[in-house]
Structure formats: C-alpha cells, structure tokens
C-alpha atoms as a PDB file:
ATOM      1  CA  MET A   1      -9.751 -30.139 -26.732  1.00  0.00           C
ATOM      2  CA  ALA A   2      -6.661 -27.978 -26.308  1.00  0.00           C
ATOM      3  CA  MET A   3      -6.900 -25.327 -23.578  1.00  0.00           C
ATOM      4  CA  THR A   4      -6.995 -21.666 -24.537  1.00  0.00           C
ATOM      5  CA  PRO A   5      -3.905 -19.475 -23.411  1.00  0.00           C
ATOM      6  CA  GLU A   6      -6.251 -17.795 -20.759  1.00  0.00           C
ATOM      7  CA  ALA A   7      -7.747 -21.174 -19.660  1.00  0.00           C
ATOM      8  CA  LYS A   8      -4.171 -22.262 -18.768  1.00  0.00           C
ATOM      9  CA  VAL A   9      -3.729 -18.974 -16.730  1.00  0.00           C
ATOM     10  CA  LYS A  10      -6.964 -19.762 -15.022  1.00  0.00           C
ATOM     11  CA  LYS A  11      -5.903 -23.198 -14.242  1.00  0.00           C
ATOM     12  CA  HIS A  12      -2.467 -22.192 -12.984  1.00  0.00           C
ATOM     13  CA  VAL A  13      -4.270 -19.665 -10.727  1.00  0.00           C
ATOM     14  CA  ARG A  14      -6.778 -22.304  -9.258  1.00  0.00           C
ATOM     15  CA  ASP A  15      -3.800 -24.559  -8.730  1.00  0.00           C
ATOM     16  CA  ILE A  16      -2.040 -22.113  -6.496  1.00  0.00           C
ATOM     17  CA  LEU A  17      -5.116 -21.444  -4.639  1.00  0.00           C
ATOM     18  CA  ASP A  18      -5.838 -24.982  -3.985  1.00  0.00           C
ATOM     19  CA  LYS A  19      -2.089 -25.511  -3.054  1.00  0.00           C
ATOM     20  CA  LEU A  20      -2.533 -22.671  -0.310  1.00  0.00           C
ATOM     21  CA  ASP A  21      -5.884 -24.136   0.636  1.00  0.00           C
ATOM     22  CA  ILE A  22      -7.627 -20.844  -0.195  1.00  0.00           C
ATOM     23  CA  TYR A  23     -11.351 -21.032  -0.641  1.00  0.00           C
ATOM     24  CA  HIS A  24     -12.254 -19.889  -4.361  1.00  0.00           C
ATOM     25  CA  PHE A  25     -15.000 -20.346  -7.137  1.00  0.00           C
ATOM     26  CA  SER A  26     -15.404 -19.227 -10.552  1.00  0.00           C
ATOM     27  CA  PRO A  27     -18.698 -17.250 -11.140  1.00  0.00           C
ATOM     28  CA  PRO A  28     -20.710 -18.511 -14.127  1.00  0.00           C
ATOM     29  CA  GLY A  29     -19.975 -16.889 -17.351  1.00  0.00           C
ATOM     30  CA  MET A  30     -21.824 -16.523 -20.792  1.00  0.00           C
ATOM     31  CA  GLY A  31     -24.205 -14.170 -19.702  1.00  0.00           C
ATOM     32  CA  LEU A  32     -25.659 -16.160 -16.657  1.00  0.00           C
ATOM     33  CA  GLY A  33     -24.083 -13.812 -14.137  1.00  0.00           C
ATOM     34  CA  ARG A  34     -23.437 -10.224 -13.655  1.00  0.00           C
ATOM     35  CA  ALA A  35     -21.378  -8.636 -16.344  1.00  0.00           C
ATOM     36  CA  GLY A  36     -17.827  -7.651 -15.606  1.00  0.00           C
ATOM     37  CA  ILE A  37     -17.387  -9.986 -12.709  1.00  0.00           C
ATOM     38  CA  PRO A  38     -13.734 -11.227 -12.268  1.00  0.00           C
ATOM     39  CA  ASP A  39     -12.778 -14.896 -13.302  1.00  0.00           C
ATOM     40  CA  ILE A  40     -12.033 -16.067  -9.815  1.00  0.00           C
ATOM     41  CA  ILE A  41     -13.576 -15.032  -6.595  1.00  0.00           C
ATOM     42  CA  ALA A  42     -11.536 -16.059  -3.287  1.00  0.00           C
ATOM     43  CA  CYS A  43     -11.369 -15.500   0.510  1.00  0.00           C
ATOM     44  CA  TYR A  44      -8.102 -15.875   2.185  1.00  0.00           C
ATOM     45  CA  ASP A  45      -7.689 -15.201   6.043  1.00  0.00           C
ATOM     46  CA  GLY A  46     -10.890 -13.108   5.933  1.00  0.00           C
ATOM     47  CA  THR A  47      -9.741 -11.074   2.781  1.00  0.00           C
ATOM     48  CA  PHE A  48     -12.110 -10.913  -0.197  1.00  0.00           C
ATOM     49  CA  ILE A  49      -9.905 -11.479  -3.492  1.00  0.00           C
ATOM     50  CA  ALA A  50     -10.977 -10.997  -7.117  1.00  0.00           C
ATOM     51  CA  ILE A  51      -8.818 -12.306  -9.845  1.00  0.00           C
ATOM     52  CA  GLU A  52      -9.197 -11.516 -13.534  1.00  0.00           C
ATOM     53  CA  CYS A  53      -7.179 -13.549 -15.765  1.00  0.00           C
ATOM     54  CA  LYS A  54      -5.939 -12.684 -19.114  1.00  0.00           C
ATOM     55  CA  SER A  55      -3.449 -14.027 -21.609  1.00  0.00           C
ATOM     56  CA  GLY A  56      -0.553 -12.294 -23.548  1.00  0.00           C
ATOM     57  CA  THR A  57      -1.147  -8.674 -23.593  1.00  0.00           C
ATOM     58  CA  ASN A  58      -4.842  -8.729 -23.280  1.00  0.00           C
ATOM     59  CA  LYS A  59      -5.887  -6.013 -20.729  1.00  0.00           C
ATOM     60  CA  PRO A  60      -9.476  -6.098 -18.652  1.00  0.00           C
ATOM     61  CA  THR A  61     -12.435  -4.405 -20.346  1.00  0.00           C
ATOM     62  CA  PRO A  62     -13.691  -1.201 -18.944  1.00  0.00           C
ATOM     63  CA  LEU A  63     -16.672  -3.082 -17.313  1.00  0.00           C
ATOM     64  CA  GLN A  64     -14.188  -5.485 -15.733  1.00  0.00           C
ATOM     65  CA  GLU A  65     -12.021  -2.400 -14.536  1.00  0.00           C
ATOM     66  CA  ARG A  66     -15.077  -0.725 -13.007  1.00  0.00           C
ATOM     67  CA  GLU A  67     -15.776  -4.095 -11.105  1.00  0.00           C
ATOM     68  CA  LEU A  68     -12.155  -4.423  -9.963  1.00  0.00           C
ATOM     69  CA  SER A  69     -12.326  -0.838  -8.849  1.00  0.00           C
ATOM     70  CA  ARG A  70     -15.456  -1.368  -6.835  1.00  0.00           C
ATOM     71  CA  ILE A  71     -14.072  -4.356  -5.167  1.00  0.00           C
ATOM     72  CA  ALA A  72     -10.837  -2.519  -4.299  1.00  0.00           C
ATOM     73  CA  ASN A  73     -12.876   0.434  -2.934  1.00  0.00           C
ATOM     74  CA  ALA A  74     -14.933  -1.818  -0.803  1.00  0.00           C
ATOM     75  CA  GLY A  75     -11.414  -3.301   0.926  1.00  0.00           C
ATOM     76  CA  GLY A  76     -11.136  -6.297  -1.339  1.00  0.00           C
ATOM     77  CA  GLU A  77      -7.764  -7.315  -2.902  1.00  0.00           C
ATOM     78  CA  THR A  78      -7.902  -7.464  -6.813  1.00  0.00           C
ATOM     79  CA  PHE A  79      -5.223  -8.908  -9.288  1.00  0.00           C
ATOM     80  CA  VAL A  80      -5.084  -9.003 -13.041  1.00  0.00           C
ATOM     81  CA  VAL A  81      -2.920 -12.027 -13.790  1.00  0.00           C
ATOM     82  CA  ASN A  82      -1.341 -13.314 -17.064  1.00  0.00           C
ATOM     83  CA  GLU A  83       1.460 -15.751 -17.727  1.00  0.00           C
ATOM     84  CA  THR A  84       4.070 -13.058 -16.998  1.00  0.00           C
ATOM     85  CA  ASN A  85       2.943 -12.207 -13.340  1.00  0.00           C
ATOM     86  CA  ILE A  86       1.460 -15.138 -11.986  1.00  0.00           C
ATOM     87  CA  ALA A  87       4.650 -15.767  -9.750  1.00  0.00           C
ATOM     88  CA  GLU A  88       3.792 -12.311  -8.439  1.00  0.00           C
ATOM     89  CA  LEU A  89       0.114 -13.637  -7.500  1.00  0.00           C
ATOM     90  CA  HIS A  90       1.599 -16.506  -5.602  1.00  0.00           C
ATOM     91  CA  GLU A  91       4.269 -14.278  -3.721  1.00  0.00           C
ATOM     92  CA  ARG A  92       1.611 -11.709  -2.688  1.00  0.00           C
ATOM     93  CA  LEU A  93      -0.705 -14.512  -1.288  1.00  0.00           C
ATOM     94  CA  LEU A  94       2.010 -16.037   0.641  1.00  0.00           C
ATOM     95  CA  TRP A  95       2.752 -12.505   1.952  1.00  0.00           C
ATOM     96  CA  MET A  96      -0.919 -11.960   2.877  1.00  0.00           C
ATOM     97  CA  ASN A  97      -0.831 -15.268   5.200  1.00  0.00           C
ATOM     98  CA  LYS A  98       1.802 -13.687   7.430  1.00  0.00           C
END
C-alpha cells in the first residue's frame, strides 16, 4: 500500500529524530487518545517537543492549534512540519543541541 503524503512527512521526521538519537513516539490516533494531540512527541536534551505533520498546504485544525499553544505556553517547543519546511526542523534541532 502506498504511503499518503502526510505519512511520508511523518516518516521523514521520524528518520531525522532517529538520526539525531532523539527520544520520540507517536501517540495513538483514531479516537484512542486525547483529540488534537500532535503527531509526534519527543524529548531532546530535556526539552519537550511536539511536532504536527501536514502535507501540502494543509494547516492544523483549531483543536490542534489549541494543543500546540498549550504546549508552547508550558515551555515546550512546537513545530508544524510539511514537505517544504522539514529541513528547517532539522536545522532547529541541531541548533537546540548546541
């Protein structure tokens, strides 16, 4: 079965996290977890990181935006990643490690 564009973004993000040896997991979806939780949760050098993956011009839903804001307000780092800005995520993670 072919991967969806969003699944390809998620895989690329997971590959970056693995390459940098960053702890991460994907919360369960399909109504099994809390609604609006980002696609990938990570912890890097003591920093909580939330990553919402999108494809093309798709944007986070209002519920996802609320969760990302709550995480940022609590001191975590948040990212909305798609095919066009995934390199920026990689660069930011490298910068965070310095």
